[in-house]
Amino acid sequence: MPANSALRVQKHRISLRKSGLRPIQIWVPDTRAPGFTDECRRQSKLAALVDQKDHELTSFIDKALSDLDDL
């Protein structure tokens, strides 16, 4: 017979399924992996360089921010 905590989890999952939900599994980068921080830094710098050169994006962001000032 399953432990009390296992029964609670099973009941909870049944309840979620009855609500129309289903479990999924996703894989994400391992933040503990060697080099993870360096790779994040590298990608962030690349994204920042591209954003600086994209004048349409800059205009779009400026307009969006000015719309917030009107609130």
C-alpha atoms as a PDB file:
ATOM      1  CA  MET A   1       0.000   0.000   0.000  1.00  0.00           C
ATOM      2  CA  PRO A   2       1.363   3.461  -0.926  1.00  0.00           C
ATOM      3  CA  ALA A   3       2.518   5.812   1.808  1.00  0.00           C
ATOM      4  CA  ASN A   4       0.154   8.541   3.001  1.00  0.00           C
ATOM      5  CA  SER A   5       2.075  11.231   1.091  1.00  0.00           C
ATOM      6  CA  ALA A   6       1.950   9.145  -2.099  1.00  0.00           C
ATOM      7  CA  LEU A   7      -1.840   8.871  -1.767  1.00  0.00           C
ATOM      8  CA  ARG A   8      -2.157  12.637  -1.344  1.00  0.00           C
ATOM      9  CA  VAL A   9      -0.056  13.220  -4.442  1.00  0.00           C
ATOM     10  CA  GLN A  10      -2.100  10.682  -6.399  1.00  0.00           C
ATOM     11  CA  LYS A  11      -5.374  12.332  -5.332  1.00  0.00           C
ATOM     12  CA  HIS A  12      -4.014  15.753  -6.233  1.00  0.00           C
ATOM     13  CA  ARG A  13      -2.965  14.552  -9.691  1.00  0.00           C
ATOM     14  CA  ILE A  14      -6.370  12.961 -10.266  1.00  0.00           C
ATOM     15  CA  SER A  15      -8.011  16.240  -9.274  1.00  0.00           C
ATOM     16  CA  LEU A  16      -5.816  18.180 -11.703  1.00  0.00           C
ATOM     17  CA  ARG A  17      -6.631  15.762 -14.529  1.00  0.00           C
ATOM     18  CA  LYS A  18     -10.352  16.120 -13.787  1.00  0.00           C
ATOM     19  CA  SER A  19      -9.858  19.874 -14.110  1.00  0.00           C
ATOM     20  CA  GLY A  20      -8.646  19.329 -17.664  1.00  0.00           C
ATOM     21  CA  LEU A  21      -4.925  19.547 -16.990  1.00  0.00           C
ATOM     22  CA  ARG A  22      -2.260  17.058 -17.926  1.00  0.00           C
ATOM     23  CA  PRO A  23       1.302  16.585 -16.740  1.00  0.00           C
ATOM     24  CA  ILE A  24       4.187  17.406 -19.036  1.00  0.00           C
ATOM     25  CA  GLN A  25       7.931  17.125 -18.714  1.00  0.00           C
ATOM     26  CA  ILE A  26      10.241  19.905 -19.842  1.00  0.00           C
ATOM     27  CA  TRP A  27      13.990  19.990 -20.025  1.00  0.00           C
ATOM     28  CA  VAL A  28      15.858  23.153 -19.120  1.00  0.00           C
ATOM     29  CA  PRO A  29      19.549  24.034 -19.109  1.00  0.00           C
ATOM     30  CA  ASP A  30      21.470  22.857 -16.064  1.00  0.00           C
ATOM     31  CA  THR A  31      22.467  26.073 -14.320  1.00  0.00           C
ATOM     32  CA  ARG A  32      25.097  24.128 -12.350  1.00  0.00           C
ATOM     33  CA  ALA A  33      26.924  22.955 -15.475  1.00  0.00           C
ATOM     34  CA  PRO A  34      30.473  24.209 -15.996  1.00  0.00           C
ATOM     35  CA  GLY A  35      30.481  27.145 -18.386  1.00  0.00           C
ATOM     36  CA  PHE A  36      26.780  27.931 -17.964  1.00  0.00           C
ATOM     37  CA  THR A  37      27.413  31.409 -16.563  1.00  0.00           C
ATOM     38  CA  ASP A  38      29.975  32.218 -19.247  1.00  0.00           C
ATOM     39  CA  GLU A  39      27.570  31.091 -21.993  1.00  0.00           C
ATOM     40  CA  CYS A  40      24.775  33.250 -20.509  1.00  0.00           C
ATOM     41  CA  ARG A  41      27.109  36.215 -20.468  1.00  0.00           C
ATOM     42  CA  ARG A  42      28.182  35.572 -24.083  1.00  0.00           C
ATOM     43  CA  GLN A  43      24.603  35.310 -25.342  1.00  0.00           C
ATOM     44  CA  SER A  44      23.498  38.380 -23.378  1.00  0.00           C
ATOM     45  CA  LYS A  45      26.274  40.475 -24.896  1.00  0.00           C
ATOM     46  CA  LEU A  46      25.335  39.301 -28.403  1.00  0.00           C
ATOM     47  CA  ALA A  47      21.671  40.124 -27.817  1.00  0.00           C
ATOM     48  CA  ALA A  48      22.576  43.574 -26.475  1.00  0.00           C
ATOM     49  CA  LEU A  49      24.723  44.306 -29.548  1.00  0.00           C
ATOM     50  CA  VAL A  50      21.945  43.289 -31.913  1.00  0.00           C
ATOM     51  CA  ASP A  51      19.381  45.326 -29.976  1.00  0.00           C
ATOM     52  CA  GLN A  52      21.599  48.436 -30.136  1.00  0.00           C
ATOM     53  CA  LYS A  53      21.698  48.206 -33.927  1.00  0.00           C
ATOM     54  CA  ASP A  54      17.946  47.602 -34.322  1.00  0.00           C
ATOM     55  CA  HIS A  55      16.533  51.119 -34.525  1.00  0.00           C
ATOM     56  CA  GLU A  56      12.990  49.862 -35.158  1.00  0.00           C
ATOM     57  CA  LEU A  57      13.123  47.909 -31.912  1.00  0.00           C
ATOM     58  CA  THR A  58      14.425  50.935 -30.044  1.00  0.00           C
ATOM     59  CA  SER A  59      11.591  53.078 -31.427  1.00  0.00           C
ATOM     60  CA  PHE A  60       9.038  50.408 -30.556  1.00  0.00           C
ATOM     61  CA  ILE A  61      10.302  50.146 -26.969  1.00  0.00           C
ATOM     62  CA  ASP A  62      10.390  53.934 -26.584  1.00  0.00           C
ATOM     63  CA  LYS A  63       6.786  54.186 -27.805  1.00  0.00           C
ATOM     64  CA  ALA A  64       5.673  51.378 -25.495  1.00  0.00           C
ATOM     65  CA  LEU A  65       7.328  53.064 -22.540  1.00  0.00           C
ATOM     66  CA  SER A  66       5.740  56.416 -23.383  1.00  0.00           C
ATOM     67  CA  ASP A  67       2.353  54.681 -23.498  1.00  0.00           C
ATOM     68  CA  LEU A  68       2.958  53.567 -19.917  1.00  0.00           C
ATOM     69  CA  ASP A  69       3.638  57.165 -18.886  1.00  0.00           C
ATOM     70  CA  ASP A  70       0.072  57.993 -19.955  1.00  0.00           C
ATOM     71  CA  LEU A  71      -1.430  55.541 -17.464  1.00  0.00           C
END
